[in-house]
C-alpha atoms as a PDB file:
ATOM      1  CA  UNK A   1     -86.192 299.411-132.755  1.00  0.00           C
ATOM      2  CA  UNK A   2     -89.173 297.543-131.729  1.00  0.00           C
ATOM      3  CA  UNK A   3     -92.629 298.741-131.579  1.00  0.00           C
ATOM      4  CA  UNK A   4     -94.272 299.267-128.563  1.00  0.00           C
ATOM      5  CA  UNK A   5     -96.734 296.321-129.240  1.00  0.00           C
ATOM      6  CA  UNK A   6     -93.741 294.048-129.648  1.00  0.00           C
ATOM      7  CA  UNK A   7     -92.055 295.319-126.325  1.00  0.00           C
ATOM      8  CA  UNK A   8     -95.368 294.903-124.614  1.00  0.00           C
ATOM      9  CA  UNK A   9     -95.728 291.499-125.914  1.00  0.00           C
ATOM     10  CA  UNK A  10     -92.122 290.619-124.867  1.00  0.00           C
ATOM     11  CA  UNK A  11     -92.910 292.133-121.252  1.00  0.00           C
ATOM     12  CA  UNK A  12     -96.005 289.990-120.878  1.00  0.00           C
ATOM     13  CA  UNK A  13     -94.098 287.009-122.113  1.00  0.00           C
ATOM     14  CA  UNK A  14     -91.317 287.673-119.462  1.00  0.00           C
ATOM     15  CA  UNK A  15     -94.212 288.408-116.910  1.00  0.00           C
ATOM     16  CA  UNK A  16     -95.908 284.997-117.681  1.00  0.00           C
ATOM     17  CA  UNK A  17     -92.606 283.235-117.515  1.00  0.00           C
ATOM     18  CA  UNK A  18     -91.649 284.896-114.228  1.00  0.00           C
ATOM     19  CA  UNK A  19     -95.108 283.813-112.811  1.00  0.00           C
ATOM     20  CA  UNK A  20     -94.514 280.288-113.867  1.00  0.00           C
ATOM     21  CA  UNK A  21     -90.999 280.200-112.455  1.00  0.00           C
ATOM     22  CA  UNK A  22     -92.366 281.720-109.231  1.00  0.00           C
ATOM     23  CA  UNK A  23     -95.204 279.252-108.964  1.00  0.00           C
ATOM     24  CA  UNK A  24     -92.732 276.346-109.786  1.00  0.00           C
ATOM     25  CA  UNK A  25     -90.129 277.689-107.265  1.00  0.00           C
ATOM     26  CA  UNK A  26     -92.852 278.122-104.614  1.00  0.00           C
ATOM     27  CA  UNK A  27     -94.078 274.518-105.144  1.00  0.00           C
ATOM     28  CA  UNK A  28     -90.570 273.287-104.822  1.00  0.00           C
ATOM     29  CA  UNK A  29     -89.991 275.374-101.733  1.00  0.00           C
ATOM     30  CA  UNK A  30     -93.540 274.000-100.259  1.00  0.00           C
ATOM     31  CA  UNK A  31     -92.335 270.380-101.065  1.00  0.00           C
ATOM     32  CA  UNK A  32     -89.226 271.015 -99.331  1.00  0.00           C
ATOM     33  CA  UNK A  33     -90.463 272.595 -96.381  1.00  0.00           C
ATOM     34  CA  UNK A  34     -92.876 269.622 -96.092  1.00  0.00           C
ATOM     35  CA  UNK A  35     -90.103 266.981 -96.245  1.00  0.00           C
ATOM     36  CA  UNK A  36     -88.259 269.169 -93.775  1.00  0.00           C
ATOM     37  CA  UNK A  37     -90.882 269.046 -91.590  1.00  0.00           C
ATOM     38  CA  UNK A  38     -91.551 265.250 -91.770  1.00  0.00           C
ATOM     39  CA  UNK A  39     -87.814 264.804 -90.957  1.00  0.00           C
ATOM     40  CA  UNK A  40     -88.038 266.923 -88.177  1.00  0.00           C
ATOM     41  CA  UNK A  41     -90.987 265.238 -86.777  1.00  0.00           C
ATOM     42  CA  UNK A  42     -89.502 261.813 -87.409  1.00  0.00           C
ATOM     43  CA  UNK A  43     -86.302 263.000 -85.678  1.00  0.00           C
ATOM     44  CA  UNK A  44     -88.546 264.151 -82.591  1.00  0.00           C
ATOM     45  CA  UNK A  45     -90.158 260.817 -82.580  1.00  0.00           C
ATOM     46  CA  UNK A  46     -86.957 259.198 -82.425  1.00  0.00           C
ATOM     47  CA  UNK A  47     -85.376 261.405 -79.808  1.00  0.00           C
ATOM     48  CA  UNK A  48     -88.542 260.570 -77.695  1.00  0.00           C
ATOM     49  CA  UNK A  49     -87.800 256.940 -78.245  1.00  0.00           C
ATOM     50  CA  UNK A  50     -84.248 257.141 -77.307  1.00  0.00           C
ATOM     51  CA  UNK A  51     -85.221 259.564 -74.225  1.00  0.00           C
ATOM     52  CA  UNK A  52     -87.361 256.717 -73.091  1.00  0.00           C
ATOM     53  CA  UNK A  53     -84.665 254.009 -73.483  1.00  0.00           C
ATOM     54  CA  UNK A  54     -82.017 256.030 -71.646  1.00  0.00           C
ATOM     55  CA  UNK A  55     -84.627 256.562 -68.889  1.00  0.00           C
ATOM     56  CA  UNK A  56     -85.062 252.769 -68.674  1.00  0.00           C
ATOM     57  CA  UNK A  57     -81.225 252.284 -68.745  1.00  0.00           C
ATOM     58  CA  UNK A  58     -80.934 254.750 -65.956  1.00  0.00           C
ATOM     59  CA  UNK A  59     -83.587 252.982 -63.926  1.00  0.00           C
ATOM     60  CA  UNK A  60     -81.994 249.616 -64.359  1.00  0.00           C
ATOM     61  CA  UNK A  61     -78.773 251.163 -63.465  1.00  0.00           C
ATOM     62  CA  UNK A  62     -80.025 252.709 -60.326  1.00  0.00           C
ATOM     63  CA  UNK A  63     -81.511 249.444 -59.391  1.00  0.00           C
ATOM     64  CA  UNK A  64     -78.326 247.467 -59.995  1.00  0.00           C
ATOM     65  CA  UNK A  65     -76.484 250.259 -57.952  1.00  0.00           C
ATOM     66  CA  UNK A  66     -78.646 249.599 -55.157  1.00  0.00           C
ATOM     67  CA  UNK A  67     -78.490 245.854 -55.417  1.00  0.00           C
ATOM     68  CA  UNK A  68     -74.696 246.250 -55.524  1.00  0.00           C
ATOM     69  CA  UNK A  69     -74.606 248.540 -52.464  1.00  0.00           C
ATOM     70  CA  UNK A  70     -76.833 246.059 -50.503  1.00  0.00           C
ATOM     71  CA  UNK A  71     -74.591 243.181 -51.598  1.00  0.00           C
ATOM     72  CA  UNK A  72     -71.488 245.051 -50.311  1.00  0.00           C
ATOM     73  CA  UNK A  73     -73.364 245.737 -47.150  1.00  0.00           C
ATOM     74  CA  UNK A  74     -74.399 242.006 -46.598  1.00  0.00           C
ATOM     75  CA  UNK A  75     -70.801 240.959 -47.352  1.00  0.00           C
ATOM     76  CA  UNK A  76     -69.431 243.668 -44.886  1.00  0.00           C
ATOM     77  CA  UNK A  77     -71.597 242.254 -42.123  1.00  0.00           C
ATOM     78  CA  UNK A  78     -70.740 238.758 -42.822  1.00  0.00           C
ATOM     79  CA  UNK A  79     -66.946 239.709 -42.941  1.00  0.00           C
ATOM     80  CA  UNK A  80     -67.454 241.264 -39.620  1.00  0.00           C
ATOM     81  CA  UNK A  81     -69.040 238.306 -38.456  1.00  0.00           C
ATOM     82  CA  UNK A  82     -66.336 236.235 -39.594  1.00  0.00           C
ATOM     83  CA  UNK A  83     -63.662 238.534 -37.958  1.00  0.00           C
ATOM     84  CA  UNK A  84     -65.556 238.461 -34.618  1.00  0.00           C
ATOM     85  CA  UNK A  85     -65.435 234.787 -34.792  1.00  0.00           C
ATOM     86  CA  UNK A  86     -61.666 234.599 -35.552  1.00  0.00           C
ATOM     87  CA  UNK A  87     -61.346 236.940 -32.555  1.00  0.00           C
ATOM     88  CA  UNK A  88     -63.192 234.762 -30.300  1.00  0.00           C
ATOM     89  CA  UNK A  89     -61.094 231.641 -31.560  1.00  0.00           C
ATOM     90  CA  UNK A  90     -57.821 233.867 -30.897  1.00  0.00           C
ATOM     91  CA  UNK A  91     -59.197 234.454 -27.373  1.00  0.00           C
ATOM     92  CA  UNK A  92     -59.872 230.876 -26.752  1.00  0.00           C
ATOM     93  CA  UNK A  93     -56.579 229.837 -27.928  1.00  0.00           C
ATOM     94  CA  UNK A  94     -55.094 232.447 -25.654  1.00  0.00           C
ATOM     95  CA  UNK A  95     -57.012 231.164 -22.868  1.00  0.00           C
ATOM     96  CA  UNK A  96     -55.919 227.459 -23.646  1.00  0.00           C
ATOM     97  CA  UNK A  97     -52.221 228.660 -23.769  1.00  0.00           C
ATOM     98  CA  UNK A  98     -52.673 230.348 -20.197  1.00  0.00           C
ATOM     99  CA  UNK A  99     -53.926 227.068 -18.934  1.00  0.00           C
ATOM    100  CA  UNK A 100     -51.212 225.245 -20.515  1.00  0.00           C
ATOM    101  CA  UNK A 101     -48.543 227.539 -19.044  1.00  0.00           C
ATOM    102  CA  UNK A 102     -50.306 227.216 -15.675  1.00  0.00           C
ATOM    103  CA  UNK A 103     -50.190 223.409 -16.050  1.00  0.00           C
ATOM    104  CA  UNK A 104     -46.488 223.485 -16.940  1.00  0.00           C
ATOM    105  CA  UNK A 105     -45.834 225.494 -13.825  1.00  0.00           C
ATOM    106  CA  UNK A 106     -47.774 223.216 -11.586  1.00  0.00           C
ATOM    107  CA  UNK A 107     -45.884 220.019 -13.418  1.00  0.00           C
ATOM    108  CA  UNK A 108     -42.698 221.967 -12.902  1.00  0.00           C
ATOM    109  CA  UNK A 109     -43.483 222.273  -9.283  1.00  0.00           C
ATOM    110  CA  UNK A 110     -44.801 218.624  -8.832  1.00  0.00           C
ATOM    111  CA  UNK A 111     -41.241 217.576 -10.489  1.00  0.00           C
ATOM    112  CA  UNK A 112     -39.245 219.754  -8.160  1.00  0.00           C
ATOM    113  CA  UNK A 113     -41.082 218.245  -5.109  1.00  0.00           C
ATOM    114  CA  UNK A 114     -40.660 214.694  -6.429  1.00  0.00           C
ATOM    115  CA  UNK A 115     -36.807 215.337  -6.827  1.00  0.00           C
ATOM    116  CA  UNK A 116     -36.665 216.792  -3.265  1.00  0.00           C
ATOM    117  CA  UNK A 117     -38.541 213.692  -2.024  1.00  0.00           C
ATOM    118  CA  UNK A 118     -36.268 211.238  -4.069  1.00  0.00           C
ATOM    119  CA  UNK A 119     -33.239 213.195  -2.801  1.00  0.00           C
ATOM    120  CA  UNK A 120     -34.408 213.036   0.873  1.00  0.00           C
ATOM    121  CA  UNK A 121     -35.202 209.376   0.323  1.00  0.00           C
ATOM    122  CA  UNK A 122     -31.766 208.596  -0.879  1.00  0.00           C
ATOM    123  CA  UNK A 123     -30.191 210.404   2.010  1.00  0.00           C
ATOM    124  CA  UNK A 124     -32.216 208.624   4.319  1.00  0.00           C
ATOM    125  CA  UNK A 125     -31.257 205.290   3.035  1.00  0.00           C
ATOM    126  CA  UNK A 126     -27.524 206.313   3.018  1.00  0.00           C
END
């Protein structure tokens, strides 16, 4: 069996080794925490940059949406104006058709009158 002195030396040796291992583990942990902190900080910076980019895209999309809506509104007004012009043209054609129908009736009356006059003239010469 070992003497008390040898056992004390072994305990002291183990304690020094434990201290050295603990210091090394603490240093490693401190380095990992520092590295993690840097990574987290870099990630936050990237996220802030992405957020800014997304906001810029959202603003551009809002602007484009507004421009498209205005374009559609202007197109709708133009189509309405064209539609109104077509309605006006249709109305004019209807008016022309009515006038032509009226003229057809008058020509028919004139032809009938001429036919009667020609018939009366033939009867008077016979």
